[in-house]
């Protein structure tokens, strides 16, 4: 019986797995709110109700290696597509984001210790229109980010 997650497992043959994955996603949001705007010293209240729909697709490849001592290494790459539309209720303005994303990640597990890292970049186009003002515009939106997590987990003895 293992007392903690850090207990060393018995030596086993090394194994490597390759996984291919894909997933679709979507969300719908309805927001009812009032916003206060200050313009040249005067404050105005305005209803800012809107709805937003988002949908997309992601896919990737994972390579997972289990060492003879039971440690695990995992790395992978992913990419996908995003489309999101925002429509305010009170004004004739709309905005649409669409474009692609790419990223990579790596993880190392040793007993209860884990080290995880991910980097991601989005390459989106934002199109917006305001028909009552006869305006149309678009902009390239690029985001770059990453995250590193270090954790240690230990099982509590006597827990059920």
Protein backbone atom coordinates (compact mmCIF):
# COMPACT_ATOMS: atom_id res chain seq x y z
CA UNK A 1 0.00 0.00 0.00
CA UNK A 2 1.45 3.36 -1.03
CA UNK A 3 1.58 5.93 1.76
CA UNK A 4 2.29 8.92 -0.49
CA UNK A 5 2.37 9.84 -4.15
CA UNK A 6 6.17 10.15 -3.97
CA UNK A 7 6.74 6.46 -3.14
CA UNK A 8 9.02 5.01 -5.79
CA UNK A 9 7.37 2.39 -8.03
CA UNK A 10 9.14 -0.84 -8.94
CA UNK A 11 11.37 -0.63 -12.02
CA UNK A 12 9.50 -1.36 -15.23
CA UNK A 13 10.45 -1.30 -18.91
CA UNK A 14 10.50 2.15 -20.53
CA UNK A 15 7.45 2.92 -22.65
CA UNK A 16 6.67 5.66 -25.17
CA UNK A 17 3.19 6.54 -26.42
CA UNK A 18 2.09 8.91 -29.17
CA UNK A 19 -1.43 10.33 -29.02
CA UNK A 20 -3.25 12.43 -31.59
CA UNK A 21 -6.22 14.41 -30.33
CA UNK A 22 -8.84 16.88 -31.55
CA UNK A 23 -11.64 18.78 -29.83
CA UNK A 24 -14.26 21.30 -30.77
CA UNK A 25 -15.56 23.92 -28.35
CA UNK A 26 -18.16 26.62 -28.13
CA UNK A 27 -19.79 29.06 -25.74
CA UNK A 28 -22.59 31.62 -25.75
CA UNK A 29 -22.73 34.57 -23.34
CA UNK A 30 -25.49 37.10 -22.69
CA UNK A 31 -24.54 40.17 -20.65
CA UNK A 32 -26.99 42.70 -19.21
CA UNK A 33 -25.24 45.68 -17.65
CA UNK A 34 -25.10 49.47 -17.39
CA UNK A 35 -21.89 51.34 -18.06
CA UNK A 36 -20.98 54.84 -16.91
CA UNK A 37 -18.93 56.86 -19.37
CA UNK A 38 -17.23 60.20 -18.72
CA UNK A 39 -16.78 62.42 -21.76
CA UNK A 40 -15.34 65.93 -21.41
CA UNK A 41 -16.29 66.03 -17.73
CA UNK A 42 -19.89 64.87 -18.18
CA UNK A 43 -20.91 61.39 -17.02
CA UNK A 44 -23.43 59.36 -18.99
CA UNK A 45 -25.06 56.01 -18.24
CA UNK A 46 -25.65 53.59 -21.07
CA UNK A 47 -27.04 50.08 -21.32
CA UNK A 48 -24.28 47.76 -22.50
CA UNK A 49 -26.27 44.57 -23.09
CA UNK A 50 -24.67 42.22 -25.60
CA UNK A 51 -24.40 38.63 -26.64
CA UNK A 52 -21.24 36.82 -27.69
CA UNK A 53 -20.84 33.48 -29.40
CA UNK A 54 -17.52 31.68 -29.58
CA UNK A 55 -16.61 28.47 -31.38
CA UNK A 56 -13.45 26.78 -32.42
CA UNK A 57 -11.43 23.67 -32.96
CA UNK A 58 -8.09 22.46 -31.52
CA UNK A 59 -5.94 19.46 -32.28
CA UNK A 60 -2.49 18.23 -31.36
CA UNK A 61 0.06 15.48 -30.92
CA UNK A 62 1.37 14.23 -27.54
CA UNK A 63 4.50 12.16 -26.96
CA UNK A 64 4.52 10.48 -23.54
CA UNK A 65 7.54 8.56 -22.20
CA UNK A 66 7.56 6.51 -19.00
CA UNK A 67 11.09 5.80 -17.73
CA UNK A 68 12.05 2.50 -16.06
CA UNK A 69 11.98 4.23 -12.65
CA UNK A 70 8.39 5.39 -13.21
CA UNK A 71 9.05 9.04 -14.07
CA UNK A 72 7.02 10.49 -16.91
CA UNK A 73 7.92 13.00 -19.60
CA UNK A 74 5.30 14.45 -21.90
CA UNK A 75 5.56 16.99 -24.67
CA UNK A 76 3.34 18.09 -27.46
CA UNK A 77 2.25 20.65 -29.98
CA UNK A 78 -1.23 21.95 -30.76
CA UNK A 79 -3.00 24.29 -33.12
CA UNK A 80 -6.48 25.41 -33.89
CA UNK A 81 -8.99 27.96 -35.09
CA UNK A 82 -11.20 30.45 -33.20
CA UNK A 83 -14.23 32.49 -34.26
CA UNK A 84 -16.01 34.84 -31.85
CA UNK A 85 -18.76 37.39 -32.59
CA UNK A 86 -19.92 40.19 -30.26
CA UNK A 87 -23.25 41.93 -30.84
CA UNK A 88 -24.44 44.75 -28.52
CA UNK A 89 -28.23 45.02 -28.15
CA UNK A 90 -28.64 48.81 -27.92
CA UNK A 91 -26.27 50.02 -30.63
CA UNK A 92 -25.63 48.94 -34.20
CA UNK A 93 -22.01 47.91 -33.65
CA UNK A 94 -20.57 44.44 -34.05
CA UNK A 95 -17.19 42.83 -33.77
CA UNK A 96 -15.77 39.52 -34.97
CA UNK A 97 -12.52 37.80 -33.98
CA UNK A 98 -11.28 34.94 -36.13
CA UNK A 99 -7.96 33.26 -36.77
CA UNK A 100 -5.54 30.59 -35.69
CA UNK A 101 -3.48 29.56 -32.68
CA UNK A 102 -0.39 27.43 -32.11
CA UNK A 103 1.37 26.21 -29.02
CA UNK A 104 3.64 23.70 -27.35
CA UNK A 105 3.83 22.17 -23.88
CA UNK A 106 5.98 19.90 -21.76
CA UNK A 107 5.53 18.09 -18.42
CA UNK A 108 7.77 16.12 -16.10
CA UNK A 109 6.34 13.90 -13.32
CA UNK A 110 8.40 12.26 -10.57
CA UNK A 111 6.39 10.77 -7.73
CA UNK A 112 4.40 13.69 -6.27
CA UNK A 113 6.51 16.33 -8.06
CA UNK A 114 5.40 17.88 -11.34
CA UNK A 115 6.82 20.57 -13.61
CA UNK A 116 4.62 21.85 -16.44
CA UNK A 117 5.20 24.54 -19.08
CA UNK A 118 3.12 25.83 -21.99
CA UNK A 119 3.61 28.54 -24.62
CA UNK A 120 0.87 29.74 -26.96
CA UNK A 121 0.40 32.31 -29.71
CA UNK A 122 -2.84 33.58 -31.27
CA UNK A 123 -2.95 35.19 -34.71
CA UNK A 124 -6.39 36.78 -34.99
CA UNK A 125 -8.12 39.32 -37.16
CA UNK A 126 -10.67 41.66 -35.54
CA UNK A 127 -13.32 43.12 -37.84
CA UNK A 128 -15.86 45.60 -36.53
CA UNK A 129 -18.65 47.59 -38.07
CA UNK A 130 -20.82 50.53 -36.99
CA UNK A 131 -23.34 50.94 -39.83
CA UNK A 132 -25.05 54.02 -38.33
CA UNK A 133 -21.68 55.79 -38.34
CA UNK A 134 -20.67 54.33 -41.72
CA UNK A 135 -17.54 52.82 -40.11
CA UNK A 136 -15.81 49.56 -40.86
CA UNK A 137 -12.36 48.63 -39.62
CA UNK A 138 -10.15 45.66 -38.96
CA UNK A 139 -7.01 45.02 -36.96
CA UNK A 140 -4.52 42.21 -36.57
CA UNK A 141 -4.47 40.91 -33.01
CA UNK A 142 -1.48 38.82 -31.99
CA UNK A 143 -1.07 37.48 -28.47
CA UNK A 144 1.86 35.54 -27.05
CA UNK A 145 1.96 33.94 -23.63
CA UNK A 146 3.23 31.17 -21.48
CA UNK A 147 2.94 29.59 -18.06
CA UNK A 148 5.14 27.46 -15.82
CA UNK A 149 3.73 25.43 -12.93
CA UNK A 150 5.68 23.58 -10.25
CA UNK A 151 3.77 21.41 -7.78
CA UNK A 152 4.27 18.72 -5.17
CA UNK A 153 1.36 16.55 -4.03
CA UNK A 154 1.36 14.25 -1.06
CA UNK A 155 -1.41 11.85 -0.09
CA UNK A 156 -2.80 12.29 3.41
CA UNK A 157 -2.63 9.08 5.42
CA UNK A 158 -5.84 7.86 6.98
CA UNK A 159 -8.06 9.72 4.50
CA UNK A 160 -11.01 7.94 2.95
